[in-house]
Amino acid sequence: MKSRKNLTRFTYETTAFQGWRLCLNKTGSTFTKYFSDKKYGGERKALQVATTALEEIREIIDDSRRVNGKLSKATIGKIQKVLKAA
């Protein structure tokens, strides 16, 4: 499968990790989480979980308010909870 915007596929033979990396940069904040094929039961399932998390994060960002052009601490906390739960 090919990488998508904010989702990158890692399939290196020399490393133990194979899966998807979600990385989103928004207004000075970076959010990153790795979704392992082994943990989620395969490439497609890991992609599905990563895509769902990305959609939730985008929804939170779209509905949030900015403080001096940056995301508020409350918004960053909500996003971190979504990433932990995924």
PDB file of N, CA and C in Angstrom:
ATOM      1  N   MET A   1       0.835  -1.175   0.000  1.00  0.00           N
ATOM      2  CA  MET A   1       0.000   0.000   0.000  1.00  0.00           C
ATOM      3  C   MET A   1       0.884   1.244   0.000  1.00  0.00           C
ATOM      4  N   LYS A   2       0.381   2.284  -0.605  1.00  0.00           N
ATOM      5  CA  LYS A   2       1.136   3.521  -0.697  1.00  0.00           C
ATOM      6  C   LYS A   2       0.863   4.424   0.499  1.00  0.00           C
ATOM      7  N   SER A   3       1.828   5.278   0.762  1.00  0.00           N
ATOM      8  CA  SER A   3       1.663   6.272   1.819  1.00  0.00           C
ATOM      9  C   SER A   3       0.621   7.293   1.399  1.00  0.00           C
ATOM     10  N   ARG A   4       0.017   7.915   2.391  1.00  0.00           N
ATOM     11  CA  ARG A   4      -0.986   8.945   2.161  1.00  0.00           C
ATOM     12  C   ARG A   4      -0.565  10.196   2.917  1.00  0.00           C
ATOM     13  N   LYS A   5      -1.275  11.286   2.692  1.00  0.00           N
ATOM     14  CA  LYS A   5      -0.938  12.517   3.398  1.00  0.00           C
ATOM     15  C   LYS A   5      -1.074  12.292   4.902  1.00  0.00           C
ATOM     16  N   ASN A   6      -0.021  12.599   5.638  1.00  0.00           N
ATOM     17  CA  ASN A   6       0.079  12.449   7.080  1.00  0.00           C
ATOM     18  C   ASN A   6       0.192  10.999   7.546  1.00  0.00           C
ATOM     19  N   LEU A   7       0.181  10.028   6.645  1.00  0.00           N
ATOM     20  CA  LEU A   7       0.368   8.619   6.989  1.00  0.00           C
ATOM     21  C   LEU A   7       1.479   8.050   6.112  1.00  0.00           C
ATOM     22  N   THR A   8       2.505   7.517   6.741  1.00  0.00           N
ATOM     23  CA  THR A   8       3.650   6.983   6.015  1.00  0.00           C
ATOM     24  C   THR A   8       3.792   5.503   6.330  1.00  0.00           C
ATOM     25  N   ARG A   9       4.041   4.708   5.322  1.00  0.00           N
ATOM     26  CA  ARG A   9       4.208   3.266   5.479  1.00  0.00           C
ATOM     27  C   ARG A   9       5.678   2.937   5.723  1.00  0.00           C
ATOM     28  N   PHE A  10       5.957   2.135   6.753  1.00  0.00           N
ATOM     29  CA  PHE A  10       7.307   1.669   7.044  1.00  0.00           C
ATOM     30  C   PHE A  10       7.359   0.159   6.847  1.00  0.00           C
ATOM     31  N   THR A  11       8.167  -0.287   5.897  1.00  0.00           N
ATOM     32  CA  THR A  11       8.321  -1.722   5.638  1.00  0.00           C
ATOM     33  C   THR A  11       9.780  -2.054   5.359  1.00  0.00           C
ATOM     34  N   TYR A  12      10.646  -1.699   6.270  1.00  0.00           N
ATOM     35  CA  TYR A  12      12.063  -1.968   6.097  1.00  0.00           C
ATOM     36  C   TYR A  12      12.384  -3.390   6.547  1.00  0.00           C
ATOM     37  N   GLU A  13      13.179  -4.089   5.762  1.00  0.00           N
ATOM     38  CA  GLU A  13      13.536  -5.461   6.104  1.00  0.00           C
ATOM     39  C   GLU A  13      14.555  -5.520   7.232  1.00  0.00           C
ATOM     40  N   THR A  14      15.318  -4.456   7.422  1.00  0.00           N
ATOM     41  CA  THR A  14      16.388  -4.467   8.420  1.00  0.00           C
ATOM     42  C   THR A  14      15.928  -4.045   9.808  1.00  0.00           C
ATOM     43  N   THR A  15      14.663  -3.670   9.969  1.00  0.00           N
ATOM     44  CA  THR A  15      14.171  -3.273  11.285  1.00  0.00           C
ATOM     45  C   THR A  15      13.039  -4.191  11.732  1.00  0.00           C
ATOM     46  N   ALA A  16      12.775  -4.180  13.010  1.00  0.00           N
ATOM     47  CA  ALA A  16      11.711  -5.025  13.558  1.00  0.00           C
ATOM     48  C   ALA A  16      10.335  -4.409  13.352  1.00  0.00           C
ATOM     49  N   PHE A  17      10.271  -3.091  13.094  1.00  0.00           N
ATOM     50  CA  PHE A  17       8.974  -2.424  12.971  1.00  0.00           C
ATOM     51  C   PHE A  17       8.477  -2.437  11.533  1.00  0.00           C
ATOM     52  N   GLN A  18       7.227  -2.816  11.375  1.00  0.00           N
ATOM     53  CA  GLN A  18       6.522  -2.675  10.106  1.00  0.00           C
ATOM     54  C   GLN A  18       5.141  -2.157  10.434  1.00  0.00           C
ATOM     55  N   GLY A  19       4.765  -1.064   9.793  1.00  0.00           N
ATOM     56  CA  GLY A  19       3.463  -0.486  10.070  1.00  0.00           C
ATOM     57  C   GLY A  19       3.339   0.914   9.510  1.00  0.00           C
ATOM     58  N   TRP A  20       2.458   1.698  10.100  1.00  0.00           N
ATOM     59  CA  TRP A  20       2.142   3.053   9.647  1.00  0.00           C
ATOM     60  C   TRP A  20       2.548   4.072  10.693  1.00  0.00           C
ATOM     61  N   ARG A  21       2.992   5.224  10.232  1.00  0.00           N
ATOM     62  CA  ARG A  21       3.309   6.341  11.118  1.00  0.00           C
ATOM     63  C   ARG A  21       2.378   7.492  10.786  1.00  0.00           C
ATOM     64  N   LEU A  22       1.666   7.969  11.792  1.00  0.00           N
ATOM     65  CA  LEU A  22       0.824   9.151  11.650  1.00  0.00           C
ATOM     66  C   LEU A  22       1.647  10.327  12.151  1.00  0.00           C
ATOM     67  N   CYS A  23       1.799  11.334  11.333  1.00  0.00           N
ATOM     68  CA  CYS A  23       2.538  12.535  11.737  1.00  0.00           C
ATOM     69  C   CYS A  23       1.798  13.746  11.194  1.00  0.00           C
ATOM     70  N   LEU A  24       1.389  14.630  12.100  1.00  0.00           N
ATOM     71  CA  LEU A  24       0.618  15.804  11.724  1.00  0.00           C
ATOM     72  C   LEU A  24       1.225  17.025  12.392  1.00  0.00           C
ATOM     73  N   ASN A  25       1.563  18.023  11.590  1.00  0.00           N
ATOM     74  CA  ASN A  25       2.095  19.291  12.090  1.00  0.00           C
ATOM     75  C   ASN A  25       1.024  20.350  11.890  1.00  0.00           C
ATOM     76  N   LYS A  26       0.676  21.025  12.966  1.00  0.00           N
ATOM     77  CA  LYS A  26      -0.344  22.065  12.884  1.00  0.00           C
ATOM     78  C   LYS A  26       0.012  23.196  13.828  1.00  0.00           C
ATOM     79  N   THR A  27       0.111  24.372  13.304  1.00  0.00           N
ATOM     80  CA  THR A  27       0.334  25.611  14.060  1.00  0.00           C
ATOM     81  C   THR A  27       1.376  25.465  15.170  1.00  0.00           C
ATOM     82  N   GLY A  28       2.514  24.904  14.831  1.00  0.00           N
ATOM     83  CA  GLY A  28       3.613  24.793  15.780  1.00  0.00           C
ATOM     84  C   GLY A  28       3.596  23.556  16.659  1.00  0.00           C
ATOM     85  N   SER A  29       2.630  22.684  16.499  1.00  0.00           N
ATOM     86  CA  SER A  29       2.557  21.449  17.281  1.00  0.00           C
ATOM     87  C   SER A  29       2.681  20.250  16.353  1.00  0.00           C
ATOM     88  N   THR A  30       3.436  19.251  16.791  1.00  0.00           N
ATOM     89  CA  THR A  30       3.612  18.032  16.011  1.00  0.00           C
ATOM     90  C   THR A  30       3.048  16.863  16.798  1.00  0.00           C
ATOM     91  N   PHE A  31       2.263  16.036  16.123  1.00  0.00           N
ATOM     92  CA  PHE A  31       1.664  14.861  16.741  1.00  0.00           C
ATOM     93  C   PHE A  31       2.095  13.643  15.938  1.00  0.00           C
ATOM     94  N   THR A  32       2.674  12.649  16.628  1.00  0.00           N
ATOM     95  CA  THR A  32       3.187  11.463  15.959  1.00  0.00           C
ATOM     96  C   THR A  32       2.777  10.215  16.734  1.00  0.00           C
ATOM     97  N   LYS A  33       2.399   9.183  15.999  1.00  0.00           N
ATOM     98  CA  LYS A  33       2.098   7.880  16.598  1.00  0.00           C
ATOM     99  C   LYS A  33       2.373   6.807  15.563  1.00  0.00           C
ATOM    100  N   TYR A  34       2.908   5.675  16.023  1.00  0.00           N
ATOM    101  CA  TYR A  34       3.189   4.547  15.156  1.00  0.00           C
ATOM    102  C   TYR A  34       2.127   3.472  15.364  1.00  0.00           C
ATOM    103  N   PHE A  35       1.673   2.882  14.269  1.00  0.00           N
ATOM    104  CA  PHE A  35       0.657   1.830  14.292  1.00  0.00           C
ATOM    105  C   PHE A  35       1.270   0.574  13.693  1.00  0.00           C
ATOM    106  N   SER A  36       1.635  -0.369  14.546  1.00  0.00           N
ATOM    107  CA  SER A  36       2.339  -1.576  14.145  1.00  0.00           C
ATOM    108  C   SER A  36       1.383  -2.605  13.538  1.00  0.00           C
ATOM    109  N   ASP A  37       1.828  -3.247  12.467  1.00  0.00           N
ATOM    110  CA  ASP A  37       1.048  -4.327  11.860  1.00  0.00           C
ATOM    111  C   ASP A  37       0.843  -5.464  12.853  1.00  0.00           C
ATOM    112  N   LYS A  38       1.877  -5.750  13.627  1.00  0.00           N
ATOM    113  CA  LYS A  38       1.820  -6.856  14.583  1.00  0.00           C
ATOM    114  C   LYS A  38       0.774  -6.586  15.668  1.00  0.00           C
ATOM    115  N   LYS A  39       0.737  -5.371  16.178  1.00  0.00           N
ATOM    116  CA  LYS A  39      -0.195  -5.027  17.262  1.00  0.00           C
ATOM    117  C   LYS A  39      -1.647  -5.020  16.779  1.00  0.00           C
ATOM    118  N   TYR A  40      -1.888  -4.514  15.568  1.00  0.00           N
ATOM    119  CA  TYR A  40      -3.262  -4.344  15.093  1.00  0.00           C
ATOM    120  C   TYR A  40      -3.744  -5.474  14.189  1.00  0.00           C
ATOM    121  N   GLY A  41      -2.910  -6.474  13.940  1.00  0.00           N
ATOM    122  CA  GLY A  41      -3.361  -7.651  13.218  1.00  0.00           C
ATOM    123  C   GLY A  41      -3.229  -7.572  11.704  1.00  0.00           C
ATOM    124  N   GLY A  42      -2.322  -6.778  11.210  1.00  0.00           N
ATOM    125  CA  GLY A  42      -2.090  -6.725   9.767  1.00  0.00           C
ATOM    126  C   GLY A  42      -2.032  -5.308   9.230  1.00  0.00           C
ATOM    127  N   GLU A  43      -1.566  -5.218   7.999  1.00  0.00           N
ATOM    128  CA  GLU A  43      -1.345  -3.924   7.359  1.00  0.00           C
ATOM    129  C   GLU A  43      -2.637  -3.128   7.193  1.00  0.00           C
ATOM    130  N   ARG A  44      -3.678  -3.763   6.725  1.00  0.00           N
ATOM    131  CA  ARG A  44      -4.945  -3.060   6.478  1.00  0.00           C
ATOM    132  C   ARG A  44      -5.617  -2.608   7.779  1.00  0.00           C
ATOM    133  N   LYS A  45      -5.573  -3.447   8.796  1.00  0.00           N
ATOM    134  CA  LYS A  45      -6.192  -3.080  10.072  1.00  0.00           C
ATOM    135  C   LYS A  45      -5.437  -1.937  10.737  1.00  0.00           C
ATOM    136  N   ALA A  46      -4.107  -1.962  10.660  1.00  0.00           N
ATOM    137  CA  ALA A  46      -3.308  -0.871  11.218  1.00  0.00           C
ATOM    138  C   ALA A  46      -3.602   0.427  10.478  1.00  0.00           C
ATOM    139  N   LEU A  47      -3.745   0.356   9.159  1.00  0.00           N
ATOM    140  CA  LEU A  47      -4.088   1.540   8.367  1.00  0.00           C
ATOM    141  C   LEU A  47      -5.459   2.070   8.749  1.00  0.00           C
ATOM    142  N   GLN A  48      -6.398   1.179   8.963  1.00  0.00           N
ATOM    143  CA  GLN A  48      -7.753   1.591   9.328  1.00  0.00           C
ATOM    144  C   GLN A  48      -7.759   2.335  10.668  1.00  0.00           C
ATOM    145  N   VAL A  49      -7.032   1.831  11.651  1.00  0.00           N
ATOM    146  CA  VAL A  49      -6.955   2.481  12.968  1.00  0.00           C
ATOM    147  C   VAL A  49      -6.255   3.831  12.839  1.00  0.00           C
ATOM    148  N   ALA A  50      -5.178   3.880  12.060  1.00  0.00           N
ATOM    149  CA  ALA A  50      -4.446   5.134  11.863  1.00  0.00           C
ATOM    150  C   ALA A  50      -5.309   6.175  11.163  1.00  0.00           C
ATOM    151  N   THR A  51      -6.057   5.764  10.165  1.00  0.00           N
ATOM    152  CA  THR A  51      -6.940   6.675   9.432  1.00  0.00           C
ATOM    153  C   THR A  51      -8.039   7.217  10.336  1.00  0.00           C
ATOM    154  N   THR A  52      -8.607   6.359  11.153  1.00  0.00           N
ATOM    155  CA  THR A  52      -9.645   6.789  12.096  1.00  0.00           C
ATOM    156  C   THR A  52      -9.088   7.812  13.080  1.00  0.00           C
ATOM    157  N   ALA A  53      -7.901   7.551  13.611  1.00  0.00           N
ATOM    158  CA  ALA A  53      -7.273   8.486  14.543  1.00  0.00           C
ATOM    159  C   ALA A  53      -6.986   9.820  13.863  1.00  0.00           C
ATOM    160  N   LEU A  54      -6.503   9.775  12.628  1.00  0.00           N
ATOM    161  CA  LEU A  54      -6.211  10.996  11.886  1.00  0.00           C
ATOM    162  C   LEU A  54      -7.471  11.822  11.662  1.00  0.00           C
ATOM    163  N   GLU A  55      -8.571  11.173  11.315  1.00  0.00           N
ATOM    164  CA  GLU A  55      -9.836  11.884  11.108  1.00  0.00           C
ATOM    165  C   GLU A  55     -10.313  12.540  12.402  1.00  0.00           C
ATOM    166  N   GLU A  56     -10.191  11.822  13.526  1.00  0.00           N
ATOM    167  CA  GLU A  56     -10.592  12.383  14.819  1.00  0.00           C
ATOM    168  C   GLU A  56      -9.742  13.603  15.165  1.00  0.00           C
ATOM    169  N   ILE A  57      -8.444  13.518  14.918  1.00  0.00           N
ATOM    170  CA  ILE A  57      -7.540  14.629  15.218  1.00  0.00           C
ATOM    171  C   ILE A  57      -7.871  15.832  14.350  1.00  0.00           C
ATOM    172  N   ARG A  58      -8.103  15.612  13.077  1.00  0.00           N
ATOM    173  CA  ARG A  58      -8.455  16.719  12.181  1.00  0.00           C
ATOM    174  C   ARG A  58      -9.755  17.385  12.610  1.00  0.00           C
ATOM    175  N   GLU A  59     -10.713  16.572  13.059  1.00  0.00           N
ATOM    176  CA  GLU A  59     -11.995  17.106  13.529  1.00  0.00           C
ATOM    177  C   GLU A  59     -11.792  17.984  14.766  1.00  0.00           C
ATOM    178  N   ILE A  60     -10.959  17.528  15.692  1.00  0.00           N
ATOM    179  CA  ILE A  60     -10.671  18.309  16.897  1.00  0.00           C
ATOM    180  C   ILE A  60     -10.003  19.623  16.522  1.00  0.00           C
ATOM    181  N   ILE A  61      -9.039  19.569  15.616  1.00  0.00           N
ATOM    182  CA  ILE A  61      -8.321  20.777  15.206  1.00  0.00           C
ATOM    183  C   ILE A  61      -9.248  21.761  14.508  1.00  0.00           C
ATOM    184  N   ASP A  62     -10.123  21.265  13.651  1.00  0.00           N
ATOM    185  CA  ASP A  62     -11.048  22.140  12.926  1.00  0.00           C
ATOM    186  C   ASP A  62     -12.019  22.851  13.870  1.00  0.00           C
ATOM    187  N   ASP A  63     -12.413  22.166  14.959  1.00  0.00           N
ATOM    188  CA  ASP A  63     -13.383  22.737  15.895  1.00  0.00           C
ATOM    189  C   ASP A  63     -12.737  23.531  17.029  1.00  0.00           C
ATOM    190  N   SER A  64     -11.412  23.583  17.054  1.00  0.00           N
ATOM    191  CA  SER A  64     -10.728  24.216  18.189  1.00  0.00           C
ATOM    192  C   SER A  64     -10.506  25.701  17.969  1.00  0.00           C
ATOM    193  N   ARG A  65     -10.228  26.365  19.068  1.00  0.00           N
ATOM    194  CA  ARG A  65      -9.885  27.779  18.975  1.00  0.00           C
ATOM    195  C   ARG A  65      -8.377  27.913  19.108  1.00  0.00           C
ATOM    196  N   ARG A  66      -7.870  29.028  18.630  1.00  0.00           N
ATOM    197  CA  ARG A  66      -6.435  29.276  18.657  1.00  0.00           C
ATOM    198  C   ARG A  66      -6.109  30.330  19.727  1.00  0.00           C
ATOM    199  N   VAL A  67      -4.960  30.202  20.329  1.00  0.00           N
ATOM    200  CA  VAL A  67      -4.459  31.171  21.285  1.00  0.00           C
ATOM    201  C   VAL A  67      -3.154  31.707  20.703  1.00  0.00           C
ATOM    202  N   ASN A  68      -3.167  32.964  20.313  1.00  0.00           N
ATOM    203  CA  ASN A  68      -2.011  33.589  19.666  1.00  0.00           C
ATOM    204  C   ASN A  68      -1.568  32.802  18.426  1.00  0.00           C
ATOM    205  N   GLY A  69      -2.524  32.277  17.679  1.00  0.00           N
ATOM    206  CA  GLY A  69      -2.228  31.559  16.453  1.00  0.00           C
ATOM    207  C   GLY A  69      -1.811  30.112  16.640  1.00  0.00           C
ATOM    208  N   LYS A  70      -1.809  29.631  17.871  1.00  0.00           N
ATOM    209  CA  LYS A  70      -1.418  28.248  18.142  1.00  0.00           C
ATOM    210  C   LYS A  70      -2.577  27.509  18.793  1.00  0.00           C
ATOM    211  N   LEU A  71      -2.485  26.181  18.789  1.00  0.00           N
ATOM    212  CA  LEU A  71      -3.515  25.372  19.434  1.00  0.00           C
ATOM    213  C   LEU A  71      -3.467  25.576  20.947  1.00  0.00           C
ATOM    214  N   SER A  72      -4.637  25.573  21.582  1.00  0.00           N
ATOM    215  CA  SER A  72      -4.690  25.736  23.028  1.00  0.00           C
ATOM    216  C   SER A  72      -4.199  24.459  23.718  1.00  0.00           C
ATOM    217  N   LYS A  73      -3.846  24.581  24.999  1.00  0.00           N
ATOM    218  CA  LYS A  73      -3.381  23.425  25.762  1.00  0.00           C
ATOM    219  C   LYS A  73      -4.474  22.366  25.876  1.00  0.00           C
ATOM    220  N   ALA A  74      -5.717  22.808  25.986  1.00  0.00           N
ATOM    221  CA  ALA A  74      -6.839  21.868  26.081  1.00  0.00           C
ATOM    222  C   ALA A  74      -6.972  21.051  24.796  1.00  0.00           C
ATOM    223  N   THR A  75      -6.799  21.711  23.657  1.00  0.00           N
ATOM    224  CA  THR A  75      -6.885  21.015  22.368  1.00  0.00           C
ATOM    225  C   THR A  75      -5.752  20.013  22.225  1.00  0.00           C
ATOM    226  N   ILE A  76      -4.551  20.413  22.605  1.00  0.00           N
ATOM    227  CA  ILE A  76      -3.408  19.506  22.534  1.00  0.00           C
ATOM    228  C   ILE A  76      -3.639  18.296  23.442  1.00  0.00           C
ATOM    229  N   GLY A  77      -4.214  18.517  24.611  1.00  0.00           N
ATOM    230  CA  GLY A  77      -4.537  17.421  25.518  1.00  0.00           C
ATOM    231  C   GLY A  77      -5.548  16.458  24.929  1.00  0.00           C
ATOM    232  N   LYS A  78      -6.573  16.982  24.264  1.00  0.00           N
ATOM    233  CA  LYS A  78      -7.581  16.133  23.613  1.00  0.00           C
ATOM    234  C   LYS A  78      -6.939  15.270  22.534  1.00  0.00           C
ATOM    235  N   ILE A  79      -6.050  15.867  21.747  1.00  0.00           N
ATOM    236  CA  ILE A  79      -5.388  15.130  20.669  1.00  0.00           C
ATOM    237  C   ILE A  79      -4.497  14.032  21.249  1.00  0.00           C
ATOM    238  N   GLN A  80      -3.787  14.328  22.316  1.00  0.00           N
ATOM    239  CA  GLN A  80      -2.930  13.333  22.945  1.00  0.00           C
ATOM    240  C   GLN A  80      -3.747  12.174  23.511  1.00  0.00           C
ATOM    241  N   LYS A  81      -4.935  12.441  24.025  1.00  0.00           N
ATOM    242  CA  LYS A  81      -5.823  11.373  24.501  1.00  0.00           C
ATOM    243  C   LYS A  81      -6.259  10.468  23.356  1.00  0.00           C
ATOM    244  N   VAL A  82      -6.573  11.071  22.192  1.00  0.00           N
ATOM    245  CA  VAL A  82      -6.965  10.280  21.028  1.00  0.00           C
ATOM    246  C   VAL A  82      -5.815   9.377  20.601  1.00  0.00           C
ATOM    247  N   LEU A  83      -4.600   9.906  20.606  1.00  0.00           N
ATOM    248  CA  LEU A  83      -3.442   9.125  20.197  1.00  0.00           C
ATOM    249  C   LEU A  83      -3.160   7.989  21.188  1.00  0.00           C
ATOM    250  N   LYS A  84      -3.343   8.224  22.477  1.00  0.00           N
ATOM    251  CA  LYS A  84      -3.133   7.175  23.468  1.00  0.00           C
ATOM    252  C   LYS A  84      -4.175   6.075  23.339  1.00  0.00           C
ATOM    253  N   ALA A  85      -5.402   6.464  23.055  1.00  0.00           N
ATOM    254  CA  ALA A  85      -6.496   5.498  22.971  1.00  0.00           C
ATOM    255  C   ALA A  85      -6.398   4.622  21.719  1.00  0.00           C
ATOM    256  N   ALA A  86      -5.755   5.133  20.682  1.00  0.00           N
ATOM    257  CA  ALA A  86      -5.664   4.369  19.424  1.00  0.00           C
ATOM    258  C   ALA A  86      -4.699   3.221  19.527  1.00  0.00           C
TER     259      ALA A  86
END
